[in-house]
Structures are given as structure tokens and as C-alpha cells.
Amino acid sequence: MFPLQAAWLYYLENPALVLNALALFFAVNGSWLWIATQLRSSLGRQRLATLPPSESDLGQHRDQRINRLFYSVGGLCLGLATVLTLTSTQF
């Protein structure tokens, strides 16, 4: 039996393990998005402090929309990871 077939059969017998692995994948991605957005916003605040007020307004609104999108996608990933983890306990 090939190793991939053996792994596939093992995963078919343990669906909770597959769901937990998928939950871990989504949790890592969601937390990375939140951390990267925190770093991006702190660097953006430092950059905006050096710009004249007329240029900073446009950049600030654009950055806020992008940060809101990143936070919502990261929160969605973390929420999906929580749901998958809770679902895996039912198997």
C-alpha cells in the first residue's frame, strides 16, 4: 500500500483529526492577518505623522478601509476555526 493511500485511509477513519487540522489552518491564517494588520497600522500611524495634513487625510481613509477588511477576514477565519473545532468534538 502506498503511503498516500495509507494516510488517506487513516484520515477517513478519523474525521475529527481532519477537522482539527483544518481548524488549525484557519486559526493560523486568521491570527496572522490580525497580527499583520496591527503591525501595518502602527507603521501607518508613524508614516502619517510625518506627512502634511492634506495628504494624510486621503491615506488615512484608505488605510482604515483596508484594515477593516483585513480584520473582518481574520475574524471570519478565527470564527470558522472555532466552529470547526466545536464540530470536531461531535465525531
Protein backbone atom coordinates (compact mmCIF):
# COMPACT_ATOMS: atom_id res chain seq x y z
CA MET A 1 0.00 0.00 0.00
CA PHE A 2 1.34 3.41 -0.92
CA PRO A 3 1.96 5.94 1.85
CA LEU A 4 -0.63 8.40 0.49
CA GLN A 5 -3.27 5.68 0.37
CA ALA A 6 -2.45 4.70 3.94
CA ALA A 7 -2.70 8.34 5.06
CA TRP A 8 -6.00 8.75 3.20
CA LEU A 9 -7.47 5.66 4.86
CA TYR A 10 -6.26 6.88 8.25
CA TYR A 11 -7.91 10.26 7.73
CA LEU A 12 -11.14 8.63 6.58
CA GLU A 13 -11.23 6.69 9.83
CA ASN A 14 -10.56 9.84 11.92
CA PRO A 15 -12.71 12.73 10.64
CA ALA A 16 -12.17 14.72 13.86
CA LEU A 17 -8.45 14.84 13.12
CA VAL A 18 -9.11 16.26 9.65
CA LEU A 19 -11.47 18.90 11.03
CA ASN A 20 -8.98 19.89 13.73
CA ALA A 21 -6.20 20.19 11.15
CA LEU A 22 -8.43 22.40 9.01
CA ALA A 23 -9.34 24.46 12.08
CA LEU A 24 -5.65 24.90 12.89
CA PHE A 25 -5.02 26.07 9.32
CA PHE A 26 -7.76 28.70 9.54
CA ALA A 27 -6.70 29.79 13.04
CA VAL A 28 -3.10 30.34 11.96
CA ASN A 29 -4.20 32.32 8.91
CA GLY A 30 -6.67 34.44 10.87
CA SER A 31 -4.22 35.23 13.64
CA TRP A 32 -1.52 36.07 11.10
CA LEU A 33 -3.91 38.54 9.44
CA TRP A 34 -4.69 40.21 12.76
CA ILE A 35 -1.01 40.49 13.73
CA ALA A 36 0.00 41.77 10.27
CA THR A 37 -2.79 44.36 10.40
CA GLN A 38 -1.65 45.54 13.83
CA LEU A 39 1.90 45.96 12.54
CA ARG A 40 0.67 47.63 9.36
CA SER A 41 -1.49 50.12 11.25
CA SER A 42 1.31 51.04 13.67
CA LEU A 43 3.70 51.63 10.77
CA GLY A 44 0.98 53.62 9.00
CA ARG A 45 0.50 55.86 12.03
CA GLN A 46 4.22 56.56 12.11
CA ARG A 47 4.23 57.34 8.40
CA LEU A 48 1.16 59.60 8.65
CA ALA A 49 2.78 61.59 11.46
CA THR A 50 5.46 62.77 9.02
CA LEU A 51 3.10 63.74 6.15
CA PRO A 52 1.43 67.13 5.69
CA PRO A 53 -2.25 67.21 6.81
CA SER A 54 -3.66 67.43 3.27
CA GLU A 55 -2.01 64.18 2.17
CA SER A 56 -2.64 62.32 5.41
CA ASP A 57 -6.46 62.52 5.17
CA LEU A 58 -6.67 60.54 1.94
CA GLY A 59 -4.17 57.95 3.08
CA GLN A 60 -5.85 57.56 6.44
CA HIS A 61 -9.28 56.78 4.99
CA ARG A 62 -7.83 54.25 2.56
CA ASP A 63 -5.79 52.57 5.28
CA GLN A 64 -8.82 52.37 7.57
CA ARG A 65 -10.86 50.59 4.90
CA ILE A 66 -8.05 48.13 4.19
CA ASN A 67 -7.50 47.47 7.89
CA ARG A 68 -11.25 46.92 8.41
CA LEU A 69 -11.24 44.38 5.56
CA PHE A 70 -8.22 42.55 6.98
CA TYR A 71 -9.73 42.48 10.47
CA SER A 72 -13.04 41.14 9.17
CA VAL A 73 -11.38 38.39 7.10
CA GLY A 74 -9.15 37.48 10.05
CA GLY A 75 -12.14 37.39 12.38
CA LEU A 76 -14.03 35.25 9.90
CA CYS A 77 -11.12 32.80 9.76
CA LEU A 78 -10.90 32.65 13.55
CA GLY A 79 -14.66 32.16 13.84
CA LEU A 80 -14.58 29.38 11.26
CA ALA A 81 -11.73 27.73 13.15
CA THR A 82 -13.79 27.84 16.34
CA VAL A 83 -16.82 26.32 14.60
CA LEU A 84 -14.70 23.56 13.05
CA THR A 85 -13.13 22.76 16.41
CA LEU A 86 -16.52 22.55 18.09
CA THR A 87 -17.83 20.41 15.23
CA SER A 88 -14.91 18.01 15.50
CA THR A 89 -15.89 17.21 19.09
CA GLN A 90 -19.15 15.71 17.79
CA PHE A 91 -17.34 12.95 15.89
